[in-house]
All heavy atoms as atom14 arrays in JSON, in Angstrom:
{
  "sequence": "SSIHLHITAEGKDVIVIVPTNGAAASFPMGSEV",
  "atom14_mask": [
    [1, 1, 1, 1, 1, 1, 0, 0, 0, 0, 0, 0, 0, 0],
    [1, 1, 1, 1, 1, 1, 0, 0, 0, 0, 0, 0, 0, 0],
    [1, 1, 1, 1, 1, 1, 1, 1, 0, 0, 0, 0, 0, 0],
    [1, 1, 1, 1, 1, 1, 1, 1, 1, 1, 0, 0, 0, 0],
    [1, 1, 1, 1, 1, 1, 1, 1, 0, 0, 0, 0, 0, 0],
    [1, 1, 1, 1, 1, 1, 1, 1, 1, 1, 0, 0, 0, 0],
    [1, 1, 1, 1, 1, 1, 1, 1, 0, 0, 0, 0, 0, 0],
    [1, 1, 1, 1, 1, 1, 1, 0, 0, 0, 0, 0, 0, 0],
    [1, 1, 1, 1, 1, 0, 0, 0, 0, 0, 0, 0, 0, 0],
    [1, 1, 1, 1, 1, 1, 1, 1, 1, 0, 0, 0, 0, 0],
    [1, 1, 1, 1, 0, 0, 0, 0, 0, 0, 0, 0, 0, 0],
    [1, 1, 1, 1, 1, 1, 1, 1, 1, 0, 0, 0, 0, 0],
    [1, 1, 1, 1, 1, 1, 1, 1, 0, 0, 0, 0, 0, 0],
    [1, 1, 1, 1, 1, 1, 1, 0, 0, 0, 0, 0, 0, 0],
    [1, 1, 1, 1, 1, 1, 1, 1, 0, 0, 0, 0, 0, 0],
    [1, 1, 1, 1, 1, 1, 1, 0, 0, 0, 0, 0, 0, 0],
    [1, 1, 1, 1, 1, 1, 1, 1, 0, 0, 0, 0, 0, 0],
    [1, 1, 1, 1, 1, 1, 1, 0, 0, 0, 0, 0, 0, 0],
    [1, 1, 1, 1, 1, 1, 1, 0, 0, 0, 0, 0, 0, 0],
    [1, 1, 1, 1, 1, 1, 1, 0, 0, 0, 0, 0, 0, 0],
    [1, 1, 1, 1, 1, 1, 1, 1, 0, 0, 0, 0, 0, 0],
    [1, 1, 1, 1, 0, 0, 0, 0, 0, 0, 0, 0, 0, 0],
    [1, 1, 1, 1, 1, 0, 0, 0, 0, 0, 0, 0, 0, 0],
    [1, 1, 1, 1, 1, 0, 0, 0, 0, 0, 0, 0, 0, 0],
    [1, 1, 1, 1, 1, 0, 0, 0, 0, 0, 0, 0, 0, 0],
    [1, 1, 1, 1, 1, 1, 0, 0, 0, 0, 0, 0, 0, 0],
    [1, 1, 1, 1, 1, 1, 1, 1, 1, 1, 1, 0, 0, 0],
    [1, 1, 1, 1, 1, 1, 1, 0, 0, 0, 0, 0, 0, 0],
    [1, 1, 1, 1, 1, 1, 1, 1, 0, 0, 0, 0, 0, 0],
    [1, 1, 1, 1, 0, 0, 0, 0, 0, 0, 0, 0, 0, 0],
    [1, 1, 1, 1, 1, 1, 0, 0, 0, 0, 0, 0, 0, 0],
    [1, 1, 1, 1, 1, 1, 1, 1, 1, 0, 0, 0, 0, 0],
    [1, 1, 1, 1, 1, 1, 1, 0, 0, 0, 0, 0, 0, 0]
  ],
  "atom14_positions": [
    [[8.21, -0.16, 10.46], [7.9, -1.59, 10.54], [6.65, -1.87, 9.56], [6.23, -3.03, 9.38], [7.46, -1.99, 11.96], [6.41, -1.17, 12.32], [0.0, 0.0, 0.0], [0.0, 0.0, 0.0], [0.0, 0.0, 0.0], [0.0, 0.0, 0.0], [0.0, 0.0, 0.0], [0.0, 0.0, 0.0], [0.0, 0.0, 0.0], [0.0, 0.0, 0.0]],
    [[6.11, -0.91, 8.93], [4.93, -1.11, 7.99], [4.97, 0.0, 6.9], [5.65, 0.98, 7.06], [3.65, -1.03, 8.82], [3.47, 0.26, 9.24], [0.0, 0.0, 0.0], [0.0, 0.0, 0.0], [0.0, 0.0, 0.0], [0.0, 0.0, 0.0], [0.0, 0.0, 0.0], [0.0, 0.0, 0.0], [0.0, 0.0, 0.0], [0.0, 0.0, 0.0]],
    [[4.26, -0.29, 5.88], [4.01, 0.62, 4.77], [2.48, 0.98, 4.84], [1.66, 0.11, 4.81], [4.45, -0.05, 3.45], [5.93, -0.14, 3.49], [4.05, 0.95, 2.24], [6.41, -0.85, 2.18], [0.0, 0.0, 0.0], [0.0, 0.0, 0.0], [0.0, 0.0, 0.0], [0.0, 0.0, 0.0], [0.0, 0.0, 0.0], [0.0, 0.0, 0.0]],
    [[2.2, 2.35, 4.76], [0.92, 2.73, 4.55], [0.55, 3.05, 3.17], [1.08, 4.03, 2.52], [0.58, 4.04, 5.51], [0.56, 3.68, 6.97], [-0.07, 4.64, 7.91], [1.07, 2.76, 7.63], [0.11, 4.14, 9.07], [0.69, 2.95, 8.99], [0.0, 0.0, 0.0], [0.0, 0.0, 0.0], [0.0, 0.0, 0.0], [0.0, 0.0, 0.0]],
    [[-0.36, 2.16, 2.58], [-0.71, 2.47, 1.08], [-1.97, 3.15, 1.08], [-3.03, 2.84, 1.63], [-0.79, 1.06, 0.47], [0.34, 0.15, 0.34], [0.01, -1.11, -0.45], [1.52, 0.83, -0.39], [0.0, 0.0, 0.0], [0.0, 0.0, 0.0], [0.0, 0.0, 0.0], [0.0, 0.0, 0.0], [0.0, 0.0, 0.0], [0.0, 0.0, 0.0]],
    [[-1.91, 4.25, 0.31], [-3.15, 5.03, 0.03], [-3.61, 4.62, -1.38], [-2.83, 4.87, -2.38], [-2.82, 6.51, -0.08], [-2.47, 7.09, 1.39], [-3.26, 7.75, 2.22], [-1.29, 6.97, 2.15], [-2.72, 8.03, 3.32], [-1.48, 7.54, 3.32], [0.0, 0.0, 0.0], [0.0, 0.0, 0.0], [0.0, 0.0, 0.0], [0.0, 0.0, 0.0]],
    [[-4.76, 3.96, -1.42], [-5.21, 3.34, -2.76], [-6.59, 3.86, -3.12], [-7.43, 4.18, -2.24], [-5.23, 1.82, -2.43], [-3.92, 1.16, -2.09], [-6.08, 1.04, -3.53], [-3.94, -0.18, -1.47], [0.0, 0.0, 0.0], [0.0, 0.0, 0.0], [0.0, 0.0, 0.0], [0.0, 0.0, 0.0], [0.0, 0.0, 0.0], [0.0, 0.0, 0.0]],
    [[-6.81, 3.94, -4.42], [-8.08, 4.25, -4.92], [-8.75, 2.87, -5.2], [-8.37, 2.18, -6.03], [-8.1, 5.11, -6.17], [-7.46, 6.41, -5.78], [-9.5, 5.38, -6.7], [0.0, 0.0, 0.0], [0.0, 0.0, 0.0], [0.0, 0.0, 0.0], [0.0, 0.0, 0.0], [0.0, 0.0, 0.0], [0.0, 0.0, 0.0], [0.0, 0.0, 0.0]],
    [[-9.85, 2.62, -4.54], [-10.66, 1.48, -4.78], [-12.18, 1.57, -4.65], [-12.5, 2.23, -3.63], [-10.1, 0.29, -3.79], [0.0, 0.0, 0.0], [0.0, 0.0, 0.0], [0.0, 0.0, 0.0], [0.0, 0.0, 0.0], [0.0, 0.0, 0.0], [0.0, 0.0, 0.0], [0.0, 0.0, 0.0], [0.0, 0.0, 0.0], [0.0, 0.0, 0.0]],
    [[-12.95, 1.17, -5.51], [-14.33, 1.31, -5.59], [-14.74, 2.71, -5.36], [-15.68, 3.13, -4.71], [-14.92, 0.5, -4.42], [-14.94, -1.05, -4.62], [-15.66, -1.52, -5.72], [-16.96, -1.43, -5.69], [-15.1, -1.96, -6.71], [0.0, 0.0, 0.0], [0.0, 0.0, 0.0], [0.0, 0.0, 0.0], [0.0, 0.0, 0.0], [0.0, 0.0, 0.0]],
    [[-13.94, 3.64, -6.05], [-14.25, 5.08, -5.99], [-13.98, 5.8, -4.73], [-14.35, 6.86, -4.39], [0.0, 0.0, 0.0], [0.0, 0.0, 0.0], [0.0, 0.0, 0.0], [0.0, 0.0, 0.0], [0.0, 0.0, 0.0], [0.0, 0.0, 0.0], [0.0, 0.0, 0.0], [0.0, 0.0, 0.0], [0.0, 0.0, 0.0], [0.0, 0.0, 0.0]],
    [[-13.3, 5.04, -3.82], [-12.94, 5.55, -2.47], [-11.52, 5.74, -2.22], [-10.69, 5.01, -2.86], [-13.51, 4.66, -1.38], [-15.03, 4.39, -1.49], [-15.85, 5.47, -0.88], [-17.37, 5.14, -1.04], [-18.18, 6.25, -0.47], [0.0, 0.0, 0.0], [0.0, 0.0, 0.0], [0.0, 0.0, 0.0], [0.0, 0.0, 0.0], [0.0, 0.0, 0.0]],
    [[-10.94, 6.57, -1.33], [-9.62, 6.64, -0.86], [-9.51, 5.63, 0.32], [-10.12, 5.68, 1.35], [-9.3, 8.04, -0.35], [-9.39, 9.06, -1.35], [-9.01, 8.76, -2.61], [-9.83, 10.23, -1.24], [0.0, 0.0, 0.0], [0.0, 0.0, 0.0], [0.0, 0.0, 0.0], [0.0, 0.0, 0.0], [0.0, 0.0, 0.0], [0.0, 0.0, 0.0]],
    [[-8.67, 4.67, 0.03], [-8.62, 3.47, 0.97], [-7.15, 3.53, 1.6], [-6.15, 3.65, 0.83], [-8.98, 2.17, 0.33], [-8.6, 0.98, 1.34], [-10.33, 2.25, -0.16], [0.0, 0.0, 0.0], [0.0, 0.0, 0.0], [0.0, 0.0, 0.0], [0.0, 0.0, 0.0], [0.0, 0.0, 0.0], [0.0, 0.0, 0.0], [0.0, 0.0, 0.0]],
    [[-7.01, 3.29, 2.88], [-5.68, 3.09, 3.49], [-5.43, 1.68, 3.89], [-6.33, 1.07, 4.47], [-5.43, 4.01, 4.64], [-5.57, 5.52, 4.25], [-4.08, 3.79, 5.24], [-5.5, 6.52, 5.38], [0.0, 0.0, 0.0], [0.0, 0.0, 0.0], [0.0, 0.0, 0.0], [0.0, 0.0, 0.0], [0.0, 0.0, 0.0], [0.0, 0.0, 0.0]],
    [[-4.35, 1.07, 3.49], [-4.02, -0.32, 3.95], [-2.65, -0.26, 4.53], [-1.67, 0.27, 4.05], [-3.91, -1.29, 2.67], [-3.68, -2.64, 3.04], [-5.22, -1.17, 1.87], [0.0, 0.0, 0.0], [0.0, 0.0, 0.0], [0.0, 0.0, 0.0], [0.0, 0.0, 0.0], [0.0, 0.0, 0.0], [0.0, 0.0, 0.0], [0.0, 0.0, 0.0]],
    [[-2.58, -0.95, 5.67], [-1.27, -1.08, 6.47], [-0.66, -2.44, 6.12], [-1.27, -3.48, 6.39], [-1.4, -0.93, 7.91], [-2.01, 0.51, 8.29], [-0.11, -1.13, 8.67], [-2.39, 0.68, 9.67], [0.0, 0.0, 0.0], [0.0, 0.0, 0.0], [0.0, 0.0, 0.0], [0.0, 0.0, 0.0], [0.0, 0.0, 0.0], [0.0, 0.0, 0.0]],
    [[0.5, -2.35, 5.43], [1.14, -3.58, 5.02], [2.38, -3.79, 5.89], [3.45, -2.97, 5.81], [1.56, -3.59, 3.53], [2.22, -4.92, 3.14], [0.36, -3.31, 2.58], [0.0, 0.0, 0.0], [0.0, 0.0, 0.0], [0.0, 0.0, 0.0], [0.0, 0.0, 0.0], [0.0, 0.0, 0.0], [0.0, 0.0, 0.0], [0.0, 0.0, 0.0]],
    [[2.46, -4.83, 6.82], [3.77, -5.02, 7.58], [4.89, -5.43, 6.65], [4.68, -6.05, 5.78], [3.33, -6.2, 8.5], [1.83, -6.33, 8.44], [1.49, -5.85, 7.06], [0.0, 0.0, 0.0], [0.0, 0.0, 0.0], [0.0, 0.0, 0.0], [0.0, 0.0, 0.0], [0.0, 0.0, 0.0], [0.0, 0.0, 0.0], [0.0, 0.0, 0.0]],
    [[6.07, -4.76, 7.04], [7.24, -5.16, 6.15], [7.96, -6.35, 6.76], [8.64, -7.09, 5.93], [8.21, -3.97, 6.16], [8.69, -3.65, 7.45], [7.6, -2.74, 5.51], [0.0, 0.0, 0.0], [0.0, 0.0, 0.0], [0.0, 0.0, 0.0], [0.0, 0.0, 0.0], [0.0, 0.0, 0.0], [0.0, 0.0, 0.0], [0.0, 0.0, 0.0]],
    [[7.87, -6.65, 7.99], [8.53, -7.75, 8.66], [10.05, -7.7, 8.38], [10.67, -8.79, 8.1], [7.93, -9.19, 8.13], [6.42, -9.21, 8.64], [6.11, -8.82, 9.71], [5.71, -9.76, 7.73], [0.0, 0.0, 0.0], [0.0, 0.0, 0.0], [0.0, 0.0, 0.0], [0.0, 0.0, 0.0], [0.0, 0.0, 0.0], [0.0, 0.0, 0.0]],
    [[10.53, -6.57, 8.2], [12.08, -6.36, 8.04], [12.42, -6.63, 6.5], [13.61, -6.49, 6.34], [0.0, 0.0, 0.0], [0.0, 0.0, 0.0], [0.0, 0.0, 0.0], [0.0, 0.0, 0.0], [0.0, 0.0, 0.0], [0.0, 0.0, 0.0], [0.0, 0.0, 0.0], [0.0, 0.0, 0.0], [0.0, 0.0, 0.0], [0.0, 0.0, 0.0]],
    [[11.53, -6.92, 5.74], [11.87, -7.1, 4.25], [11.53, -5.88, 3.46], [10.65, -5.16, 3.77], [11.12, -8.28, 3.68], [0.0, 0.0, 0.0], [0.0, 0.0, 0.0], [0.0, 0.0, 0.0], [0.0, 0.0, 0.0], [0.0, 0.0, 0.0], [0.0, 0.0, 0.0], [0.0, 0.0, 0.0], [0.0, 0.0, 0.0], [0.0, 0.0, 0.0]],
    [[12.25, -5.64, 2.33], [12.06, -4.46, 1.52], [10.97, -4.84, 0.7], [10.68, -5.82, 0.28], [13.34, -4.22, 0.66], [0.0, 0.0, 0.0], [0.0, 0.0, 0.0], [0.0, 0.0, 0.0], [0.0, 0.0, 0.0], [0.0, 0.0, 0.0], [0.0, 0.0, 0.0], [0.0, 0.0, 0.0], [0.0, 0.0, 0.0], [0.0, 0.0, 0.0]],
    [[10.1, -3.73, 0.55], [8.82, -3.79, -0.31], [8.65, -2.51, -1.1], [8.98, -1.43, -0.59], [7.62, -4.2, 0.56], [0.0, 0.0, 0.0], [0.0, 0.0, 0.0], [0.0, 0.0, 0.0], [0.0, 0.0, 0.0], [0.0, 0.0, 0.0], [0.0, 0.0, 0.0], [0.0, 0.0, 0.0], [0.0, 0.0, 0.0], [0.0, 0.0, 0.0]],
    [[8.18, -2.64, -2.26], [8.05, -1.46, -3.2], [6.65, -1.59, -3.82], [6.25, -2.49, -4.39], [9.18, -1.37, -4.2], [8.87, -0.27, -5.14], [0.0, 0.0, 0.0], [0.0, 0.0, 0.0], [0.0, 0.0, 0.0], [0.0, 0.0, 0.0], [0.0, 0.0, 0.0], [0.0, 0.0, 0.0], [0.0, 0.0, 0.0], [0.0, 0.0, 0.0]],
    [[5.79, -0.4, -3.72], [4.68, -0.31, -4.31], [4.63, 1.07, -5.02], [4.15, 2.09, -4.59], [3.47, -0.22, -3.24], [3.47, -1.54, -2.53], [4.07, -1.76, -1.35], [2.65, -2.61, -2.91], [4.06, -2.82, -0.48], [2.51, -3.77, -2.21], [3.33, -3.93, -1.07], [0.0, 0.0, 0.0], [0.0, 0.0, 0.0], [0.0, 0.0, 0.0]],
    [[5.13, 1.06, -6.25], [5.16, 2.27, -7.08], [3.8, 2.99, -7.3], [2.76, 2.16, -7.4], [5.8, 1.83, -8.4], [6.35, 0.52, -8.18], [5.62, -0.12, -7.07], [0.0, 0.0, 0.0], [0.0, 0.0, 0.0], [0.0, 0.0, 0.0], [0.0, 0.0, 0.0], [0.0, 0.0, 0.0], [0.0, 0.0, 0.0], [0.0, 0.0, 0.0]],
    [[3.7, 4.26, -7.5], [2.53, 4.92, -7.77], [1.94, 4.37, -9.07], [2.68, 4.17, -9.98], [2.77, 6.42, -7.92], [1.43, 7.3, -8.1], [1.86, 8.96, -8.32], [2.59, 9.52, -6.91], [0.0, 0.0, 0.0], [0.0, 0.0, 0.0], [0.0, 0.0, 0.0], [0.0, 0.0, 0.0], [0.0, 0.0, 0.0], [0.0, 0.0, 0.0]],
    [[0.59, 4.08, -9.04], [-0.03, 3.53, -10.23], [-0.14, 2.12, -10.41], [-0.83, 1.55, -11.21], [0.0, 0.0, 0.0], [0.0, 0.0, 0.0], [0.0, 0.0, 0.0], [0.0, 0.0, 0.0], [0.0, 0.0, 0.0], [0.0, 0.0, 0.0], [0.0, 0.0, 0.0], [0.0, 0.0, 0.0], [0.0, 0.0, 0.0], [0.0, 0.0, 0.0]],
    [[0.68, 1.39, -9.44], [0.57, -0.07, -9.53], [-0.7, -0.55, -9.05], [-1.43, -0.01, -8.14], [1.78, -0.56, -8.69], [1.69, -0.29, -7.43], [0.0, 0.0, 0.0], [0.0, 0.0, 0.0], [0.0, 0.0, 0.0], [0.0, 0.0, 0.0], [0.0, 0.0, 0.0], [0.0, 0.0, 0.0], [0.0, 0.0, 0.0], [0.0, 0.0, 0.0]],
    [[-1.11, -1.77, -9.62], [-2.44, -2.32, -9.18], [-2.28, -3.38, -8.16], [-1.35, -4.15, -8.13], [-3.15, -2.91, -10.46], [-3.56, -1.8, -11.46], [-4.55, -2.33, -12.38], [-4.94, -3.49, -12.44], [-5.14, -1.48, -13.05], [0.0, 0.0, 0.0], [0.0, 0.0, 0.0], [0.0, 0.0, 0.0], [0.0, 0.0, 0.0], [0.0, 0.0, 0.0]],
    [[-3.3, -3.34, -7.24], [-3.25, -4.3, -6.08], [-4.59, -4.84, -5.93], [-5.61, -4.21, -6.4], [-2.73, -3.64, -4.76], [-1.25, -3.36, -4.8], [-3.57, -2.45, -4.41], [0.0, 0.0, 0.0], [0.0, 0.0, 0.0], [0.0, 0.0, 0.0], [0.0, 0.0, 0.0], [0.0, 0.0, 0.0], [0.0, 0.0, 0.0], [0.0, 0.0, 0.0]]
  ]
}
């Protein structure tokens, strides 16, 4: 029901939980958010 994104931000390892709400979502490695 969600995607856990491991992100490098401000020199830190950051985890963001993104709800999918039943929709397909893609976050390729290296993409900027």
